[in-house]
Amino acid sequence: MQRSERRKGSGPPANVLERQLNDAQILTLRELERFGLSLAFVRRPMFQPAVGVVRDTAARTYVLIEADGSVNDKVPIELRH
């Protein structure tokens, strides 16, 4: 029996995701948005600060915005496509 995907749509609006980021992360996000990247989701590891995951749809790559606002292009998480 085949199950259909129930999670449809584009996910939560960007402003809902941005509320989970701190000021340094939002400043970095605004700079990345100037280059065509967009916030895909926010990862909240247990007992650690939130990490923004930003997507470059043209290159099909992801980068992380760490809690201090730095950009990490070594994505240590496994992403499903």
Protein backbone atom coordinates (compact mmCIF):
# COMPACT_ATOMS: atom_id res chain seq x y z
CA MET A 1 0.00 0.00 0.00
CA GLN A 2 1.45 3.31 -1.07
CA ARG A 3 1.16 6.25 1.30
CA SER A 4 0.76 9.73 -0.08
CA GLU A 5 2.72 12.67 1.27
CA ARG A 6 0.48 14.69 3.57
CA ARG A 7 2.91 17.58 4.05
CA LYS A 8 2.03 19.78 1.12
CA GLY A 9 2.58 23.42 0.49
CA SER A 10 5.60 25.64 0.91
CA GLY A 11 5.88 25.39 4.68
CA PRO A 12 5.54 28.16 7.22
CA PRO A 13 5.89 31.78 6.07
CA ALA A 14 9.41 33.23 6.22
CA ASN A 15 8.52 35.71 8.96
CA VAL A 16 7.51 32.85 11.27
CA LEU A 17 10.88 31.19 10.71
CA GLU A 18 12.79 34.45 11.14
CA ARG A 19 11.31 34.96 14.61
CA GLN A 20 13.36 31.98 15.76
CA LEU A 21 16.65 33.65 14.72
CA ASN A 22 18.64 36.17 16.75
CA ASP A 23 19.67 39.64 15.52
CA ALA A 24 23.10 38.55 14.23
CA GLN A 25 21.53 35.73 12.22
CA ILE A 26 18.89 38.05 10.72
CA LEU A 27 21.57 40.53 9.61
CA THR A 28 23.47 37.73 7.90
CA LEU A 29 20.25 36.44 6.34
CA ARG A 30 19.51 39.87 4.84
CA GLU A 31 22.96 39.94 3.25
CA LEU A 32 22.51 36.44 1.82
CA GLU A 33 19.07 37.35 0.45
CA ARG A 34 20.76 40.06 -1.64
CA PHE A 35 22.55 37.22 -3.47
CA GLY A 36 19.38 35.22 -4.10
CA LEU A 37 19.51 32.83 -1.15
CA SER A 38 16.43 32.21 1.01
CA LEU A 39 15.72 30.80 4.45
CA ALA A 40 14.64 27.18 4.03
CA PHE A 41 14.07 26.19 7.66
CA VAL A 42 15.37 26.68 11.18
CA ARG A 43 17.05 23.81 12.94
CA ARG A 44 16.73 23.72 16.72
CA PRO A 45 19.18 21.17 18.13
CA MET A 46 18.44 20.12 21.68
CA PHE A 47 20.16 22.34 24.28
CA GLN A 48 21.78 24.45 21.54
CA PRO A 49 20.87 27.75 19.88
CA ALA A 50 18.80 27.80 16.71
CA VAL A 51 20.60 27.51 13.37
CA GLY A 52 19.16 28.95 10.16
CA VAL A 53 19.46 26.79 7.05
CA VAL A 54 19.62 28.88 3.89
CA ARG A 55 19.04 27.48 0.41
CA ASP A 56 20.52 28.54 -2.91
CA THR A 57 17.98 27.16 -5.35
CA ALA A 58 20.09 27.89 -8.44
CA ALA A 59 23.09 25.89 -7.23
CA ARG A 60 21.02 23.47 -5.09
CA THR A 61 23.25 24.06 -2.09
CA TYR A 62 22.62 24.83 1.55
CA VAL A 63 24.54 26.90 4.10
CA LEU A 64 24.05 27.36 7.83
CA ILE A 65 23.79 30.64 9.71
CA GLU A 66 25.34 29.93 13.10
CA ALA A 67 24.21 31.61 16.34
CA ASP A 68 26.97 34.22 16.09
CA GLY A 69 25.88 35.18 12.56
CA SER A 70 28.72 33.41 10.77
CA VAL A 71 28.08 31.36 7.64
CA ASN A 72 29.02 27.68 7.60
CA ASP A 73 29.07 26.03 4.18
CA LYS A 74 29.97 22.63 5.64
CA VAL A 75 26.44 21.43 6.31
CA PRO A 76 26.78 18.71 8.99
CA ILE A 77 23.20 17.54 8.62
CA GLU A 78 21.74 15.08 6.14
CA LEU A 79 19.04 16.66 4.01
CA ARG A 80 16.20 14.84 2.31
CA HIS A 81 15.30 16.06 -1.15
